[in-house]
Amino acid sequence: MASRRRPQQSSEGWITDVDGIKVGHFTDPRRPTGCT
């Protein structure tokens, strides 16, 4: 059986890499949807 490799994750391409994006939590009244 051939082993399957998981794709390597890079540190690039995260939503927080975008200037102005702030990630919160649905319980955070400042960002109730989770991000702004």
C-alpha atoms as a PDB file:
ATOM      1  CA  MET A   1       0.000   0.000   0.000  1.00  0.00           C
ATOM      2  CA  ALA A   2       1.403   3.386  -0.943  1.00  0.00           C
ATOM      3  CA  SER A   3       1.644   5.909   1.847  1.00  0.00           C
ATOM      4  CA  ARG A   4      -0.259   9.131   1.397  1.00  0.00           C
ATOM      5  CA  ARG A   5       1.412  12.389   2.216  1.00  0.00           C
ATOM      6  CA  ARG A   6      -0.377  15.296   3.720  1.00  0.00           C
ATOM      7  CA  PRO A   7       0.117  18.555   1.864  1.00  0.00           C
ATOM      8  CA  GLN A   8       2.540  20.803   3.675  1.00  0.00           C
ATOM      9  CA  GLN A   9       0.929  23.856   5.206  1.00  0.00           C
ATOM     10  CA  SER A  10       2.634  27.151   4.689  1.00  0.00           C
ATOM     11  CA  SER A  11       2.367  30.227   6.841  1.00  0.00           C
ATOM     12  CA  GLU A  12       1.174  32.212   3.836  1.00  0.00           C
ATOM     13  CA  GLY A  13      -2.394  32.643   2.746  1.00  0.00           C
ATOM     14  CA  TRP A  14      -4.090  33.007   6.093  1.00  0.00           C
ATOM     15  CA  ILE A  15      -6.974  35.450   6.427  1.00  0.00           C
ATOM     16  CA  THR A  16      -5.012  37.313   9.086  1.00  0.00           C
ATOM     17  CA  ASP A  17      -2.315  38.071   6.486  1.00  0.00           C
ATOM     18  CA  VAL A  18      -4.662  40.682   4.989  1.00  0.00           C
ATOM     19  CA  ASP A  19      -4.143  44.159   6.422  1.00  0.00           C
ATOM     20  CA  GLY A  20      -7.219  45.350   8.291  1.00  0.00           C
ATOM     21  CA  ILE A  21      -8.638  41.881   8.956  1.00  0.00           C
ATOM     22  CA  LYS A  22      -9.231  41.182  12.620  1.00  0.00           C
ATOM     23  CA  VAL A  23     -10.400  37.793  13.789  1.00  0.00           C
ATOM     24  CA  GLY A  24     -12.635  37.526  16.813  1.00  0.00           C
ATOM     25  CA  HIS A  25     -15.165  35.059  18.166  1.00  0.00           C
ATOM     26  CA  PHE A  26     -18.930  35.028  17.962  1.00  0.00           C
ATOM     27  CA  THR A  27     -19.029  35.949  21.643  1.00  0.00           C
ATOM     28  CA  ASP A  28     -16.849  39.035  21.054  1.00  0.00           C
ATOM     29  CA  PRO A  29     -19.278  41.998  20.903  1.00  0.00           C
ATOM     30  CA  ARG A  30     -16.780  44.023  18.831  1.00  0.00           C
ATOM     31  CA  ARG A  31     -16.680  41.356  16.076  1.00  0.00           C
ATOM     32  CA  PRO A  32     -19.720  39.116  16.611  1.00  0.00           C
ATOM     33  CA  THR A  33     -19.440  37.481  13.191  1.00  0.00           C
ATOM     34  CA  GLY A  34     -15.893  36.333  13.865  1.00  0.00           C
ATOM     35  CA  CYS A  35     -14.021  38.724  11.571  1.00  0.00           C
ATOM     36  CA  THR A  36     -14.096  42.260  10.253  1.00  0.00           C
END
